[in-house]
Amino acid sequence: PWVESAHLVLLNVERILISGNRFD
């Protein structure tokens, strides 16, 4: 099995737009 991680991980970012996505 693979270790589960999040769909999206933000650790070091600025000015980001996340829009119109489906995370399942």
PDB file of all heavy atoms in Angstrom:
ATOM      1  N   PRO A   1       0.821  -1.210   0.000  1.00  0.00           N
ATOM      2  CA  PRO A   1       0.000   0.000   0.000  1.00  0.00           C
ATOM      3  C   PRO A   1       0.859   1.266   0.000  1.00  0.00           C
ATOM      4  O   PRO A   1       1.959   1.265   0.515  1.00  0.00           O
ATOM      5  CB  PRO A   1      -0.786  -0.110   1.297  1.00  0.00           C
ATOM      6  CG  PRO A   1       0.075  -0.923   2.201  1.00  0.00           C
ATOM      7  CD  PRO A   1       0.812  -1.879   1.309  1.00  0.00           C
ATOM      8  N   TRP A   2       0.318   2.320  -0.585  1.00  0.00           N
ATOM      9  CA  TRP A   2       1.016   3.589  -0.604  1.00  0.00           C
ATOM     10  C   TRP A   2       0.552   4.429   0.574  1.00  0.00           C
ATOM     11  O   TRP A   2      -0.609   4.406   0.954  1.00  0.00           O
ATOM     12  CB  TRP A   2       0.732   4.328  -1.913  1.00  0.00           C
ATOM     13  CG  TRP A   2       1.477   3.699  -3.046  1.00  0.00           C
ATOM     14  CD1 TRP A   2       2.745   3.990  -3.436  1.00  0.00           C
ATOM     15  CD2 TRP A   2       1.019   2.662  -3.905  1.00  0.00           C
ATOM     16  NE1 TRP A   2       3.107   3.198  -4.496  1.00  0.00           N
ATOM     17  CE2 TRP A   2       2.066   2.373  -4.800  1.00  0.00           C
ATOM     18  CE3 TRP A   2      -0.159   1.937  -4.004  1.00  0.00           C
ATOM     19  CZ2 TRP A   2       1.963   1.402  -5.780  1.00  0.00           C
ATOM     20  CZ3 TRP A   2      -0.264   0.970  -4.982  1.00  0.00           C
ATOM     21  CH2 TRP A   2       0.787   0.708  -5.854  1.00  0.00           C
ATOM     22  N   VAL A   3       1.479   5.162   1.162  1.00  0.00           N
ATOM     23  CA  VAL A   3       1.139   6.022   2.289  1.00  0.00           C
ATOM     24  C   VAL A   3       0.265   7.151   1.773  1.00  0.00           C
ATOM     25  O   VAL A   3       0.600   7.828   0.813  1.00  0.00           O
ATOM     26  CB  VAL A   3       2.411   6.584   2.960  1.00  0.00           C
ATOM     27  CG1 VAL A   3       2.048   7.572   4.050  1.00  0.00           C
ATOM     28  CG2 VAL A   3       3.249   5.443   3.519  1.00  0.00           C
ATOM     29  N   GLU A   4      -0.855   7.336   2.425  1.00  0.00           N
ATOM     30  CA  GLU A   4      -1.821   8.344   2.005  1.00  0.00           C
ATOM     31  C   GLU A   4      -1.290   9.728   2.328  1.00  0.00           C
ATOM     32  O   GLU A   4      -0.723   9.972   3.369  1.00  0.00           O
ATOM     33  CB  GLU A   4      -3.147   8.106   2.744  1.00  0.00           C
ATOM     34  CG  GLU A   4      -4.330   8.778   2.122  1.00  0.00           C
ATOM     35  CD  GLU A   4      -4.441  10.244   2.431  1.00  0.00           C
ATOM     36  OE1 GLU A   4      -4.017  10.677   3.500  1.00  0.00           O
ATOM     37  OE2 GLU A   4      -4.961  10.976   1.574  1.00  0.00           O
ATOM     38  N   SER A   5      -1.460  10.629   1.404  1.00  0.00           N
ATOM     39  CA  SER A   5      -1.126  12.023   1.624  1.00  0.00           C
ATOM     40  C   SER A   5      -2.273  12.862   1.078  1.00  0.00           C
ATOM     41  O   SER A   5      -3.173  12.338   0.420  1.00  0.00           O
ATOM     42  CB  SER A   5       0.177  12.378   0.905  1.00  0.00           C
ATOM     43  OG  SER A   5       0.528  13.706   1.184  1.00  0.00           O
ATOM     44  N   ALA A   6      -2.234  14.124   1.357  1.00  0.00           N
ATOM     45  CA  ALA A   6      -3.301  15.014   0.919  1.00  0.00           C
ATOM     46  C   ALA A   6      -3.291  15.175  -0.597  1.00  0.00           C
ATOM     47  O   ALA A   6      -2.313  14.886  -1.269  1.00  0.00           O
ATOM     48  CB  ALA A   6      -3.132  16.378   1.583  1.00  0.00           C
ATOM     49  N   HIS A   7      -4.407  15.669  -1.117  1.00  0.00           N
ATOM     50  CA  HIS A   7      -4.475  15.991  -2.543  1.00  0.00           C
ATOM     51  C   HIS A   7      -3.581  17.170  -2.884  1.00  0.00           C
ATOM     52  O   HIS A   7      -2.943  17.210  -3.924  1.00  0.00           O
ATOM     53  CB  HIS A   7      -5.915  16.339  -2.937  1.00  0.00           C
ATOM     54  CG  HIS A   7      -6.841  15.186  -2.873  1.00  0.00           C
ATOM     55  ND1 HIS A   7      -7.872  15.139  -1.972  1.00  0.00           N
ATOM     56  CD2 HIS A   7      -6.897  14.035  -3.563  1.00  0.00           C
ATOM     57  CE1 HIS A   7      -8.538  14.004  -2.140  1.00  0.00           C
ATOM     58  NE2 HIS A   7      -7.955  13.313  -3.099  1.00  0.00           N
ATOM     59  N   LEU A   8      -3.573  18.156  -2.005  1.00  0.00           N
ATOM     60  CA  LEU A   8      -2.823  19.378  -2.260  1.00  0.00           C
ATOM     61  C   LEU A   8      -2.169  19.821  -0.959  1.00  0.00           C
ATOM     62  O   LEU A   8      -2.850  19.996   0.048  1.00  0.00           O
ATOM     63  CB  LEU A   8      -3.766  20.466  -2.782  1.00  0.00           C
ATOM     64  CG  LEU A   8      -3.139  21.773  -3.228  1.00  0.00           C
ATOM     65  CD1 LEU A   8      -2.239  21.551  -4.440  1.00  0.00           C
ATOM     66  CD2 LEU A   8      -4.219  22.789  -3.565  1.00  0.00           C
ATOM     67  N   VAL A   9      -0.850  19.980  -0.976  1.00  0.00           N
ATOM     68  CA  VAL A   9      -0.095  20.391   0.201  1.00  0.00           C
ATOM     69  C   VAL A   9       0.661  21.670  -0.136  1.00  0.00           C
ATOM     70  O   VAL A   9       1.466  21.692  -1.066  1.00  0.00           O
ATOM     71  CB  VAL A   9       0.916  19.298   0.628  1.00  0.00           C
ATOM     72  CG1 VAL A   9       1.691  19.739   1.862  1.00  0.00           C
ATOM     73  CG2 VAL A   9       0.204  17.975   0.880  1.00  0.00           C
ATOM     74  N   LEU A  10       0.384  22.725   0.600  1.00  0.00           N
ATOM     75  CA  LEU A  10       1.073  24.004   0.398  1.00  0.00           C
ATOM     76  C   LEU A  10       1.985  24.247   1.593  1.00  0.00           C
ATOM     77  O   LEU A  10       1.518  24.457   2.704  1.00  0.00           O
ATOM     78  CB  LEU A  10       0.067  25.143   0.250  1.00  0.00           C
ATOM     79  CG  LEU A  10      -0.948  25.003  -0.885  1.00  0.00           C
ATOM     80  CD1 LEU A  10      -1.889  26.196  -0.906  1.00  0.00           C
ATOM     81  CD2 LEU A  10      -0.254  24.834  -2.220  1.00  0.00           C
ATOM     82  N   LEU A  11       3.308  24.209   1.350  1.00  0.00           N
ATOM     83  CA  LEU A  11       4.299  24.361   2.405  1.00  0.00           C
ATOM     84  C   LEU A  11       5.050  25.685   2.334  1.00  0.00           C
ATOM     85  O   LEU A  11       5.571  26.155   3.338  1.00  0.00           O
ATOM     86  CB  LEU A  11       5.324  23.222   2.339  1.00  0.00           C
ATOM     87  CG  LEU A  11       4.769  21.806   2.434  1.00  0.00           C
ATOM     88  CD1 LEU A  11       5.881  20.792   2.201  1.00  0.00           C
ATOM     89  CD2 LEU A  11       4.103  21.576   3.768  1.00  0.00           C
ATOM     90  N   ASN A  12       5.142  26.267   1.150  1.00  0.00           N
ATOM     91  CA  ASN A  12       5.909  27.496   0.962  1.00  0.00           C
ATOM     92  C   ASN A  12       5.447  28.145  -0.339  1.00  0.00           C
ATOM     93  O   ASN A  12       6.017  27.900  -1.397  1.00  0.00           O
ATOM     94  CB  ASN A  12       7.406  27.175   0.918  1.00  0.00           C
ATOM     95  CG  ASN A  12       8.256  28.417   0.886  1.00  0.00           C
ATOM     96  OD1 ASN A  12       7.843  29.486   1.317  1.00  0.00           O
ATOM     97  ND2 ASN A  12       9.460  28.287   0.369  1.00  0.00           N
ATOM     98  N   VAL A  13       4.408  28.965  -0.261  1.00  0.00           N
ATOM     99  CA  VAL A  13       3.820  29.537  -1.465  1.00  0.00           C
ATOM    100  C   VAL A  13       3.156  30.877  -1.125  1.00  0.00           C
ATOM    101  O   VAL A  13       2.709  31.083   0.008  1.00  0.00           O
ATOM    102  CB  VAL A  13       2.788  28.557  -2.085  1.00  0.00           C
ATOM    103  CG1 VAL A  13       1.600  28.355  -1.174  1.00  0.00           C
ATOM    104  CG2 VAL A  13       2.362  28.989  -3.464  1.00  0.00           C
ATOM    105  N   GLU A  14       3.111  31.748  -2.107  1.00  0.00           N
ATOM    106  CA  GLU A  14       2.342  32.979  -1.938  1.00  0.00           C
ATOM    107  C   GLU A  14       1.666  33.333  -3.260  1.00  0.00           C
ATOM    108  O   GLU A  14       2.153  32.999  -4.333  1.00  0.00           O
ATOM    109  CB  GLU A  14       3.195  34.129  -1.428  1.00  0.00           C
ATOM    110  CG  GLU A  14       4.304  34.586  -2.334  1.00  0.00           C
ATOM    111  CD  GLU A  14       5.165  35.671  -1.708  1.00  0.00           C
ATOM    112  OE1 GLU A  14       4.945  36.046  -0.553  1.00  0.00           O
ATOM    113  OE2 GLU A  14       6.066  36.145  -2.406  1.00  0.00           O
ATOM    114  N   ARG A  15       0.518  33.969  -3.131  1.00  0.00           N
ATOM    115  CA  ARG A  15      -0.294  34.360  -4.279  1.00  0.00           C
ATOM    116  C   ARG A  15      -0.622  33.148  -5.154  1.00  0.00           C
ATOM    117  O   ARG A  15      -0.134  33.008  -6.272  1.00  0.00           O
ATOM    118  CB  ARG A  15       0.384  35.475  -5.086  1.00  0.00           C
ATOM    119  CG  ARG A  15       0.554  36.751  -4.297  1.00  0.00           C
ATOM    120  CD  ARG A  15       1.100  37.888  -5.118  1.00  0.00           C
ATOM    121  NE  ARG A  15       2.311  37.607  -5.861  1.00  0.00           N
ATOM    122  CZ  ARG A  15       3.542  37.730  -5.384  1.00  0.00           C
ATOM    123  NH1 ARG A  15       3.731  38.132  -4.140  1.00  0.00           N
ATOM    124  NH2 ARG A  15       4.584  37.462  -6.150  1.00  0.00           N
ATOM    125  N   ILE A  16      -1.494  32.299  -4.627  1.00  0.00           N
ATOM    126  CA  ILE A  16      -1.910  31.104  -5.363  1.00  0.00           C
ATOM    127  C   ILE A  16      -3.429  31.083  -5.477  1.00  0.00           C
ATOM    128  O   ILE A  16      -4.143  31.407  -4.524  1.00  0.00           O
ATOM    129  CB  ILE A  16      -1.388  29.804  -4.717  1.00  0.00           C
ATOM    130  CG1 ILE A  16      -1.785  28.586  -5.561  1.00  0.00           C
ATOM    131  CG2 ILE A  16      -1.835  29.651  -3.281  1.00  0.00           C
ATOM    132  CD1 ILE A  16      -1.069  27.306  -5.185  1.00  0.00           C
ATOM    133  N   LEU A  17      -3.907  30.704  -6.656  1.00  0.00           N
ATOM    134  CA  LEU A  17      -5.334  30.551  -6.921  1.00  0.00           C
ATOM    135  C   LEU A  17      -5.602  29.075  -7.209  1.00  0.00           C
ATOM    136  O   LEU A  17      -5.006  28.500  -8.126  1.00  0.00           O
ATOM    137  CB  LEU A  17      -5.757  31.402  -8.124  1.00  0.00           C
ATOM    138  CG  LEU A  17      -7.185  31.182  -8.643  1.00  0.00           C
ATOM    139  CD1 LEU A  17      -8.212  31.565  -7.579  1.00  0.00           C
ATOM    140  CD2 LEU A  17      -7.403  31.965  -9.925  1.00  0.00           C
ATOM    141  N   ILE A  18      -6.486  28.481  -6.422  1.00  0.00           N
ATOM    142  CA  ILE A  18      -6.911  27.098  -6.613  1.00  0.00           C
ATOM    143  C   ILE A  18      -8.409  27.167  -6.876  1.00  0.00           C
ATOM    144  O   ILE A  18      -9.184  27.498  -5.979  1.00  0.00           O
ATOM    145  CB  ILE A  18      -6.609  26.235  -5.377  1.00  0.00           C
ATOM    146  CG1 ILE A  18      -5.113  26.278  -5.061  1.00  0.00           C
ATOM    147  CG2 ILE A  18      -7.065  24.804  -5.585  1.00  0.00           C
ATOM    148  CD1 ILE A  18      -4.813  26.542  -3.638  1.00  0.00           C
ATOM    149  N   SER A  19      -8.825  26.904  -8.117  1.00  0.00           N
ATOM    150  CA  SER A  19     -10.221  27.123  -8.474  1.00  0.00           C
ATOM    151  C   SER A  19     -10.712  26.106  -9.502  1.00  0.00           C
ATOM    152  O   SER A  19      -9.977  25.718 -10.412  1.00  0.00           O
ATOM    153  CB  SER A  19     -10.386  28.535  -9.047  1.00  0.00           C
ATOM    154  OG  SER A  19     -11.734  28.789  -9.391  1.00  0.00           O
ATOM    155  N   GLY A  20     -11.980  25.696  -9.345  1.00  0.00           N
ATOM    156  CA  GLY A  20     -12.634  24.835 -10.326  1.00  0.00           C
ATOM    157  C   GLY A  20     -12.161  23.391 -10.311  1.00  0.00           C
ATOM    158  O   GLY A  20     -12.353  22.666 -11.278  1.00  0.00           O
ATOM    159  N   ASN A  21     -11.561  22.945  -9.215  1.00  0.00           N
ATOM    160  CA  ASN A  21     -11.008  21.594  -9.130  1.00  0.00           C
ATOM    161  C   ASN A  21     -11.947  20.667  -8.361  1.00  0.00           C
ATOM    162  O   ASN A  21     -12.769  21.113  -7.564  1.00  0.00           O
ATOM    163  CB  ASN A  21      -9.659  21.622  -8.405  1.00  0.00           C
ATOM    164  CG  ASN A  21      -8.685  22.539  -9.092  1.00  0.00           C
ATOM    165  OD1 ASN A  21      -8.202  22.239 -10.162  1.00  0.00           O
ATOM    166  ND2 ASN A  21      -8.415  23.694  -8.477  1.00  0.00           N
ATOM    167  N   ARG A  22     -11.787  19.369  -8.597  1.00  0.00           N
ATOM    168  CA  ARG A  22     -12.463  18.357  -7.785  1.00  0.00           C
ATOM    169  C   ARG A  22     -11.393  17.485  -7.152  1.00  0.00           C
ATOM    170  O   ARG A  22     -10.533  16.940  -7.843  1.00  0.00           O
ATOM    171  CB  ARG A  22     -13.405  17.496  -8.614  1.00  0.00           C
ATOM    172  CG  ARG A  22     -14.086  16.451  -7.741  1.00  0.00           C
ATOM    173  CD  ARG A  22     -15.135  15.683  -8.467  1.00  0.00           C
ATOM    174  NE  ARG A  22     -15.651  14.643  -7.593  1.00  0.00           N
ATOM    175  CZ  ARG A  22     -16.443  13.685  -7.989  1.00  0.00           C
ATOM    176  NH1 ARG A  22     -16.843  13.638  -9.245  1.00  0.00           N
ATOM    177  NH2 ARG A  22     -16.855  12.779  -7.140  1.00  0.00           N
ATOM    178  N   PHE A  23     -11.444  17.368  -5.823  1.00  0.00           N
ATOM    179  CA  PHE A  23     -10.517  16.545  -5.051  1.00  0.00           C
ATOM    180  C   PHE A  23     -11.319  15.381  -4.484  1.00  0.00           C
ATOM    181  O   PHE A  23     -12.258  15.585  -3.719  1.00  0.00           O
ATOM    182  CB  PHE A  23      -9.892  17.378  -3.932  1.00  0.00           C
ATOM    183  CG  PHE A  23      -9.144  18.591  -4.434  1.00  0.00           C
ATOM    184  CD1 PHE A  23      -9.755  19.833  -4.483  1.00  0.00           C
ATOM    185  CD2 PHE A  23      -7.839  18.475  -4.868  1.00  0.00           C
ATOM    186  CE1 PHE A  23      -9.074  20.955  -4.939  1.00  0.00           C
ATOM    187  CE2 PHE A  23      -7.138  19.594  -5.327  1.00  0.00           C
ATOM    188  CZ  PHE A  23      -7.754  20.832  -5.366  1.00  0.00           C
ATOM    189  N   ASP A  24     -10.931  14.148  -4.839  1.00  0.00           N
ATOM    190  CA  ASP A  24     -11.763  12.986  -4.539  1.00  0.00           C
ATOM    191  C   ASP A  24     -10.961  11.858  -3.878  1.00  0.00           C
ATOM    192  O   ASP A  24      -9.950  11.428  -4.418  1.00  0.00           O
ATOM    193  CB  ASP A  24     -12.376  12.490  -5.860  1.00  0.00           C
ATOM    194  CG  ASP A  24     -13.392  11.386  -5.674  1.00  0.00           C
ATOM    195  OD1 ASP A  24     -14.104  11.382  -4.658  1.00  0.00           O
ATOM    196  OD2 ASP A  24     -13.463  10.524  -6.568  1.00  0.00           O
TER     197      ASP A  24
END
